[in-house]
Amino acid sequence: MITNPKIESGDTEYSRLSQVLRFTVAANSSAIRMVEDICGRTDMSMEEVSAEMGKLLQMAISNNYHRGGMRIKYD
């Protein structure tokens, strides 16, 4: 079991013109190993780990939003 995963964010920028939020994410080796375990691979490049973390973040936001986000519209 992996213990002590750390993921931090910083260097936040928001562009009002394009309405895009950008920030930096830092993950320790435990968090990286967790992503590799989720993917079932141990030979991932850091670019692949980064892309998978982005997918996981997107899924987490979507899952939490669909659980009861305030702006949900029931069509």
PDB file of N, CA and C in Angstrom:
ATOM      1  N   MET A   1       0.834  -1.174   0.000  1.00  0.00           N
ATOM      2  CA  MET A   1       0.000   0.000   0.000  1.00  0.00           C
ATOM      3  C   MET A   1       0.885   1.247   0.000  1.00  0.00           C
ATOM      4  N   ILE A   2       0.512   2.198  -0.814  1.00  0.00           N
ATOM      5  CA  ILE A   2       1.271   3.442  -0.898  1.00  0.00           C
ATOM      6  C   ILE A   2       0.746   4.408   0.151  1.00  0.00           C
ATOM      7  N   THR A   3       1.670   4.999   0.888  1.00  0.00           N
ATOM      8  CA  THR A   3       1.270   5.964   1.901  1.00  0.00           C
ATOM      9  C   THR A   3       1.917   7.312   1.617  1.00  0.00           C
ATOM     10  N   ASN A   4       1.314   8.335   2.134  1.00  0.00           N
ATOM     11  CA  ASN A   4       1.842   9.690   2.091  1.00  0.00           C
ATOM     12  C   ASN A   4       1.928  10.307   0.694  1.00  0.00           C
ATOM     13  N   PRO A   5       0.883  10.146  -0.136  1.00  0.00           N
ATOM     14  CA  PRO A   5       0.920  10.860  -1.413  1.00  0.00           C
ATOM     15  C   PRO A   5       0.693  12.354  -1.172  1.00  0.00           C
ATOM     16  N   LYS A   6       1.463  13.185  -1.820  1.00  0.00           N
ATOM     17  CA  LYS A   6       1.325  14.633  -1.683  1.00  0.00           C
ATOM     18  C   LYS A   6       1.145  15.243  -3.063  1.00  0.00           C
ATOM     19  N   ILE A   7       0.096  16.041  -3.208  1.00  0.00           N
ATOM     20  CA  ILE A   7      -0.142  16.767  -4.445  1.00  0.00           C
ATOM     21  C   ILE A   7      -0.443  18.202  -4.049  1.00  0.00           C
ATOM     22  N   GLU A   8       0.323  19.135  -4.594  1.00  0.00           N
ATOM     23  CA  GLU A   8       0.156  20.544  -4.275  1.00  0.00           C
ATOM     24  C   GLU A   8      -0.031  21.325  -5.565  1.00  0.00           C
ATOM     25  N   SER A   9      -0.724  22.453  -5.462  1.00  0.00           N
ATOM     26  CA  SER A   9      -0.885  23.320  -6.629  1.00  0.00           C
ATOM     27  C   SER A   9      -0.414  24.721  -6.275  1.00  0.00           C
ATOM     28  N   GLY A  10      -0.052  25.470  -7.303  1.00  0.00           N
ATOM     29  CA  GLY A  10       0.432  26.834  -7.103  1.00  0.00           C
ATOM     30  C   GLY A  10       0.530  27.568  -8.426  1.00  0.00           C
ATOM     31  N   ASP A  11       1.134  28.740  -8.417  1.00  0.00           N
ATOM     32  CA  ASP A  11       1.316  29.575  -9.611  1.00  0.00           C
ATOM     33  C   ASP A  11       0.005  29.707 -10.387  1.00  0.00           C
ATOM     34  N   THR A  12      -1.033  30.117  -9.695  1.00  0.00           N
ATOM     35  CA  THR A  12      -2.360  30.202 -10.297  1.00  0.00           C
ATOM     36  C   THR A  12      -2.503  31.453 -11.142  1.00  0.00           C
ATOM     37  N   GLU A  13      -3.045  31.287 -12.343  1.00  0.00           N
ATOM     38  CA  GLU A  13      -3.333  32.397 -13.253  1.00  0.00           C
ATOM     39  C   GLU A  13      -4.719  32.182 -13.839  1.00  0.00           C
ATOM     40  N   TYR A  14      -5.493  33.262 -13.936  1.00  0.00           N
ATOM     41  CA  TYR A  14      -6.800  33.188 -14.580  1.00  0.00           C
ATOM     42  C   TYR A  14      -6.884  34.283 -15.627  1.00  0.00           C
ATOM     43  N   SER A  15      -7.226  33.914 -16.840  1.00  0.00           N
ATOM     44  CA  SER A  15      -7.396  34.866 -17.927  1.00  0.00           C
ATOM     45  C   SER A  15      -8.884  35.166 -18.077  1.00  0.00           C
ATOM     46  N   ARG A  16      -9.266  36.398 -17.804  1.00  0.00           N
ATOM     47  CA  ARG A  16     -10.676  36.780 -17.960  1.00  0.00           C
ATOM     48  C   ARG A  16     -11.088  36.770 -19.425  1.00  0.00           C
ATOM     49  N   LEU A  17     -10.156  37.089 -20.306  1.00  0.00           N
ATOM     50  CA  LEU A  17     -10.466  37.130 -21.722  1.00  0.00           C
ATOM     51  C   LEU A  17     -10.820  35.741 -22.255  1.00  0.00           C
ATOM     52  N   SER A  18      -9.974  34.770 -21.989  1.00  0.00           N
ATOM     53  CA  SER A  18     -10.225  33.417 -22.489  1.00  0.00           C
ATOM     54  C   SER A  18     -10.949  32.532 -21.474  1.00  0.00           C
ATOM     55  N   GLN A  19     -11.138  33.037 -20.259  1.00  0.00           N
ATOM     56  CA  GLN A  19     -11.775  32.298 -19.166  1.00  0.00           C
ATOM     57  C   GLN A  19     -11.104  30.947 -18.936  1.00  0.00           C
ATOM     58  N   VAL A  20      -9.785  30.986 -18.851  1.00  0.00           N
ATOM     59  CA  VAL A  20      -8.984  29.778 -18.630  1.00  0.00           C
ATOM     60  C   VAL A  20      -8.205  29.925 -17.329  1.00  0.00           C
ATOM     61  N   LEU A  21      -8.259  28.895 -16.508  1.00  0.00           N
ATOM     62  CA  LEU A  21      -7.502  28.831 -15.267  1.00  0.00           C
ATOM     63  C   LEU A  21      -6.277  27.953 -15.501  1.00  0.00           C
ATOM     64  N   ARG A  22      -5.116  28.464 -15.188  1.00  0.00           N
ATOM     65  CA  ARG A  22      -3.871  27.697 -15.308  1.00  0.00           C
ATOM     66  C   ARG A  22      -3.195  27.652 -13.948  1.00  0.00           C
ATOM     67  N   PHE A  23      -2.643  26.493 -13.620  1.00  0.00           N
ATOM     68  CA  PHE A  23      -1.904  26.365 -12.382  1.00  0.00           C
ATOM     69  C   PHE A  23      -0.900  25.232 -12.500  1.00  0.00           C
ATOM     70  N   THR A  24       0.076  25.256 -11.628  1.00  0.00           N
ATOM     71  CA  THR A  24       1.113  24.236 -11.595  1.00  0.00           C
ATOM     72  C   THR A  24       0.751  23.200 -10.541  1.00  0.00           C
ATOM     73  N   VAL A  25       0.989  21.933 -10.869  1.00  0.00           N
ATOM     74  CA  VAL A  25       0.733  20.839  -9.939  1.00  0.00           C
ATOM     75  C   VAL A  25       2.050  20.137  -9.646  1.00  0.00           C
ATOM     76  N   ALA A  26       2.312  19.910  -8.368  1.00  0.00           N
ATOM     77  CA  ALA A  26       3.501  19.169  -7.950  1.00  0.00           C
ATOM     78  C   ALA A  26       3.054  17.905  -7.229  1.00  0.00           C
ATOM     79  N   ALA A  27       3.613  16.765  -7.615  1.00  0.00           N
ATOM     80  CA  ALA A  27       3.258  15.478  -7.008  1.00  0.00           C
ATOM     81  C   ALA A  27       4.528  14.761  -6.563  1.00  0.00           C
ATOM     82  N   ASN A  28       4.485  14.190  -5.372  1.00  0.00           N
ATOM     83  CA  ASN A  28       5.663  13.455  -4.917  1.00  0.00           C
ATOM     84  C   ASN A  28       5.682  12.047  -5.526  1.00  0.00           C
ATOM     85  N   SER A  29       6.724  11.306  -5.226  1.00  0.00           N
ATOM     86  CA  SER A  29       6.903   9.992  -5.852  1.00  0.00           C
ATOM     87  C   SER A  29       5.787   9.017  -5.474  1.00  0.00           C
ATOM     88  N   SER A  30       5.216   9.149  -4.283  1.00  0.00           N
ATOM     89  CA  SER A  30       4.102   8.277  -3.897  1.00  0.00           C
ATOM     90  C   SER A  30       2.885   8.524  -4.772  1.00  0.00           C
ATOM     91  N   ALA A  31       2.596   9.790  -5.049  1.00  0.00           N
ATOM     92  CA  ALA A  31       1.460  10.121  -5.913  1.00  0.00           C
ATOM     93  C   ALA A  31       1.704   9.621  -7.339  1.00  0.00           C
ATOM     94  N   ILE A  32       2.938   9.728  -7.805  1.00  0.00           N
ATOM     95  CA  ILE A  32       3.284   9.236  -9.146  1.00  0.00           C
ATOM     96  C   ILE A  32       3.098   7.721  -9.212  1.00  0.00           C
ATOM     97  N   ARG A  33       3.547   7.007  -8.180  1.00  0.00           N
ATOM     98  CA  ARG A  33       3.367   5.552  -8.145  1.00  0.00           C
ATOM     99  C   ARG A  33       1.889   5.175  -8.107  1.00  0.00           C
ATOM    100  N   MET A  34       1.076   5.982  -7.427  1.00  0.00           N
ATOM    101  CA  MET A  34      -0.365   5.704  -7.393  1.00  0.00           C
ATOM    102  C   MET A  34      -0.959   5.807  -8.792  1.00  0.00           C
ATOM    103  N   VAL A  35      -0.549   6.810  -9.557  1.00  0.00           N
ATOM    104  CA  VAL A  35      -1.042   6.960 -10.932  1.00  0.00           C
ATOM    105  C   VAL A  35      -0.605   5.772 -11.767  1.00  0.00           C
ATOM    106  N   GLU A  36       0.646   5.352 -11.616  1.00  0.00           N
ATOM    107  CA  GLU A  36       1.124   4.174 -12.347  1.00  0.00           C
ATOM    108  C   GLU A  36       0.317   2.937 -11.974  1.00  0.00           C
ATOM    109  N   ASP A  37       0.001   2.780 -10.689  1.00  0.00           N
ATOM    110  CA  ASP A  37      -0.807   1.638 -10.247  1.00  0.00           C
ATOM    111  C   ASP A  37      -2.204   1.688 -10.845  1.00  0.00           C
ATOM    112  N   ILE A  38      -2.799   2.871 -10.881  1.00  0.00           N
ATOM    113  CA  ILE A  38      -4.134   3.024 -11.471  1.00  0.00           C
ATOM    114  C   ILE A  38      -4.114   2.612 -12.933  1.00  0.00           C
ATOM    115  N   CYS A  39      -3.048   2.982 -13.647  1.00  0.00           N
ATOM    116  CA  CYS A  39      -2.920   2.661 -15.070  1.00  0.00           C
ATOM    117  C   CYS A  39      -2.437   1.237 -15.299  1.00  0.00           C
ATOM    118  N   GLY A  40      -1.905   0.605 -14.266  1.00  0.00           N
ATOM    119  CA  GLY A  40      -1.396  -0.759 -14.404  1.00  0.00           C
ATOM    120  C   GLY A  40      -0.083  -0.820 -15.161  1.00  0.00           C
ATOM    121  N   ARG A  41       0.685   0.264 -15.100  1.00  0.00           N
ATOM    122  CA  ARG A  41       1.973   0.315 -15.808  1.00  0.00           C
ATOM    123  C   ARG A  41       3.042   0.874 -14.891  1.00  0.00           C
ATOM    124  N   THR A  42       4.263   0.388 -15.066  1.00  0.00           N
ATOM    125  CA  THR A  42       5.392   0.923 -14.300  1.00  0.00           C
ATOM    126  C   THR A  42       6.440   1.551 -15.203  1.00  0.00           C
ATOM    127  N   ASP A  43       6.164   1.589 -16.506  1.00  0.00           N
ATOM    128  CA  ASP A  43       7.150   2.108 -17.462  1.00  0.00           C
ATOM    129  C   ASP A  43       6.724   3.452 -18.052  1.00  0.00           C
ATOM    130  N   MET A  44       5.893   4.208 -17.336  1.00  0.00           N
ATOM    131  CA  MET A  44       5.350   5.452 -17.876  1.00  0.00           C
ATOM    132  C   MET A  44       6.379   6.576 -17.830  1.00  0.00           C
ATOM    133  N   SER A  45       6.370   7.393 -18.872  1.00  0.00           N
ATOM    134  CA  SER A  45       7.200   8.600 -18.848  1.00  0.00           C
ATOM    135  C   SER A  45       6.490   9.637 -17.988  1.00  0.00           C
ATOM    136  N   MET A  46       7.199  10.666 -17.584  1.00  0.00           N
ATOM    137  CA  MET A  46       6.582  11.701 -16.766  1.00  0.00           C
ATOM    138  C   MET A  46       5.506  12.462 -17.548  1.00  0.00           C
ATOM    139  N   GLU A  47       5.643  12.545 -18.860  1.00  0.00           N
ATOM    140  CA  GLU A  47       4.616  13.168 -19.688  1.00  0.00           C
ATOM    141  C   GLU A  47       3.328  12.351 -19.655  1.00  0.00           C
ATOM    142  N   GLU A  48       3.476  11.020 -19.685  1.00  0.00           N
ATOM    143  CA  GLU A  48       2.307  10.140 -19.609  1.00  0.00           C
ATOM    144  C   GLU A  48       1.650  10.223 -18.234  1.00  0.00           C
ATOM    145  N   VAL A  49       2.469  10.294 -17.182  1.00  0.00           N
ATOM    146  CA  VAL A  49       1.933  10.436 -15.832  1.00  0.00           C
ATOM    147  C   VAL A  49       1.155  11.743 -15.725  1.00  0.00           C
ATOM    148  N   SER A  50       1.718  12.805 -16.278  1.00  0.00           N
ATOM    149  CA  SER A  50       1.064  14.111 -16.260  1.00  0.00           C
ATOM    150  C   SER A  50      -0.278  14.075 -16.989  1.00  0.00           C
ATOM    151  N   ALA A  51      -0.311  13.454 -18.148  1.00  0.00           N
ATOM    152  CA  ALA A  51      -1.554  13.347 -18.917  1.00  0.00           C
ATOM    153  C   ALA A  51      -2.595  12.538 -18.144  1.00  0.00           C
ATOM    154  N   GLU A  52      -2.181  11.455 -17.500  1.00  0.00           N
ATOM    155  CA  GLU A  52      -3.112  10.637 -16.715  1.00  0.00           C
ATOM    156  C   GLU A  52      -3.623  11.406 -15.500  1.00  0.00           C
ATOM    157  N   MET A  53      -2.754  12.200 -14.863  1.00  0.00           N
ATOM    158  CA  MET A  53      -3.200  13.017 -13.738  1.00  0.00           C
ATOM    159  C   MET A  53      -4.246  14.025 -14.195  1.00  0.00           C
ATOM    160  N   GLY A  54      -4.051  14.586 -15.374  1.00  0.00           N
ATOM    161  CA  GLY A  54      -5.043  15.506 -15.925  1.00  0.00           C
ATOM    162  C   GLY A  54      -6.374  14.819 -16.151  1.00  0.00           C
ATOM    163  N   LYS A  55      -6.334  13.596 -16.681  1.00  0.00           N
ATOM    164  CA  LYS A  55      -7.571  12.828 -16.891  1.00  0.00           C
ATOM    165  C   LYS A  55      -8.252  12.516 -15.560  1.00  0.00           C
ATOM    166  N   LEU A  56      -7.455  12.147 -14.564  1.00  0.00           N
ATOM    167  CA  LEU A  56      -8.014  11.838 -13.248  1.00  0.00           C
ATOM    168  C   LEU A  56      -8.644  13.075 -12.610  1.00  0.00           C
ATOM    169  N   LEU A  57      -8.008  14.227 -12.774  1.00  0.00           N
ATOM    170  CA  LEU A  57      -8.578  15.468 -12.257  1.00  0.00           C
ATOM    171  C   LEU A  57      -9.897  15.776 -12.945  1.00  0.00           C
ATOM    172  N   GLN A  58      -9.929  15.611 -14.252  1.00  0.00           N
ATOM    173  CA  GLN A  58     -11.161  15.859 -15.000  1.00  0.00           C
ATOM    174  C   GLN A  58     -12.279  14.917 -14.540  1.00  0.00           C
ATOM    175  N   MET A  59     -11.955  13.634 -14.354  1.00  0.00           N
ATOM    176  CA  MET A  59     -12.962  12.680 -13.883  1.00  0.00           C
ATOM    177  C   MET A  59     -13.443  13.022 -12.477  1.00  0.00           C
ATOM    178  N   ALA A  60     -12.521  13.414 -11.602  1.00  0.00           N
ATOM    179  CA  ALA A  60     -12.906  13.748 -10.231  1.00  0.00           C
ATOM    180  C   ALA A  60     -13.836  14.954 -10.206  1.00  0.00           C
ATOM    181  N   ILE A  61     -13.535  15.957 -11.010  1.00  0.00           N
ATOM    182  CA  ILE A  61     -14.399  17.144 -11.063  1.00  0.00           C
ATOM    183  C   ILE A  61     -15.769  16.770 -11.611  1.00  0.00           C
ATOM    184  N   SER A  62     -15.808  16.001 -12.676  1.00  0.00           N
ATOM    185  CA  SER A  62     -17.087  15.588 -13.268  1.00  0.00           C
ATOM    186  C   SER A  62     -17.906  14.753 -12.292  1.00  0.00           C
ATOM    187  N   ASN A  63     -17.267  13.782 -11.643  1.00  0.00           N
ATOM    188  CA  ASN A  63     -17.983  12.924 -10.694  1.00  0.00           C
ATOM    189  C   ASN A  63     -18.558  13.721  -9.536  1.00  0.00           C
ATOM    190  N   ASN A  64     -17.786  14.642  -9.000  1.00  0.00           N
ATOM    191  CA  ASN A  64     -18.268  15.440  -7.874  1.00  0.00           C
ATOM    192  C   ASN A  64     -19.356  16.408  -8.310  1.00  0.00           C
ATOM    193  N   TYR A  65     -19.263  16.938  -9.504  1.00  0.00           N
ATOM    194  CA  TYR A  65     -20.283  17.855 -10.011  1.00  0.00           C
ATOM    195  C   TYR A  65     -21.613  17.136 -10.179  1.00  0.00           C
ATOM    196  N   HIS A  66     -21.578  15.937 -10.731  1.00  0.00           N
ATOM    197  CA  HIS A  66     -22.802  15.188 -10.972  1.00  0.00           C
ATOM    198  C   HIS A  66     -23.435  14.669  -9.687  1.00  0.00           C
ATOM    199  N   ARG A  67     -22.701  14.704  -8.604  1.00  0.00           N
ATOM    200  CA  ARG A  67     -23.264  14.290  -7.310  1.00  0.00           C
ATOM    201  C   ARG A  67     -24.139  15.376  -6.685  1.00  0.00           C
ATOM    202  N   GLY A  68     -24.039  16.589  -7.175  1.00  0.00           N
ATOM    203  CA  GLY A  68     -24.877  17.619  -6.561  1.00  0.00           C
ATOM    204  C   GLY A  68     -24.379  19.028  -6.770  1.00  0.00           C
ATOM    205  N   GLY A  69     -23.772  19.285  -7.913  1.00  0.00           N
ATOM    206  CA  GLY A  69     -23.329  20.650  -8.194  1.00  0.00           C
ATOM    207  C   GLY A  69     -24.510  21.606  -8.205  1.00  0.00           C
ATOM    208  N   MET A  70     -24.279  22.833  -7.785  1.00  0.00           N
ATOM    209  CA  MET A  70     -25.376  23.804  -7.675  1.00  0.00           C
ATOM    210  C   MET A  70     -25.959  24.218  -9.020  1.00  0.00           C
ATOM    211  N   ARG A  71     -25.217  24.090 -10.104  1.00  0.00           N
ATOM    212  CA  ARG A  71     -25.680  24.554 -11.399  1.00  0.00           C
ATOM    213  C   ARG A  71     -26.262  23.446 -12.266  1.00  0.00           C
ATOM    214  N   ILE A  72     -26.474  22.277 -11.716  1.00  0.00           N
ATOM    215  CA  ILE A  72     -27.001  21.166 -12.502  1.00  0.00           C
ATOM    216  C   ILE A  72     -28.400  21.514 -13.003  1.00  0.00           C
ATOM    217  N   LYS A  73     -28.629  21.282 -14.265  1.00  0.00           N
ATOM    218  CA  LYS A  73     -29.955  21.503 -14.857  1.00  0.00           C
ATOM    219  C   LYS A  73     -30.545  20.149 -15.171  1.00  0.00           C
ATOM    220  N   TYR A  74     -31.754  19.950 -14.769  1.00  0.00           N
ATOM    221  CA  TYR A  74     -32.431  18.682 -15.046  1.00  0.00           C
ATOM    222  C   TYR A  74     -33.318  18.859 -16.247  1.00  0.00           C
ATOM    223  N   ASP A  75     -32.834  18.458 -17.406  1.00  0.00           N
ATOM    224  CA  ASP A  75     -33.581  18.609 -18.676  1.00  0.00           C
ATOM    225  C   ASP A  75     -34.497  17.435 -18.905  1.00  0.00           C
TER     226      ASP A  75
END
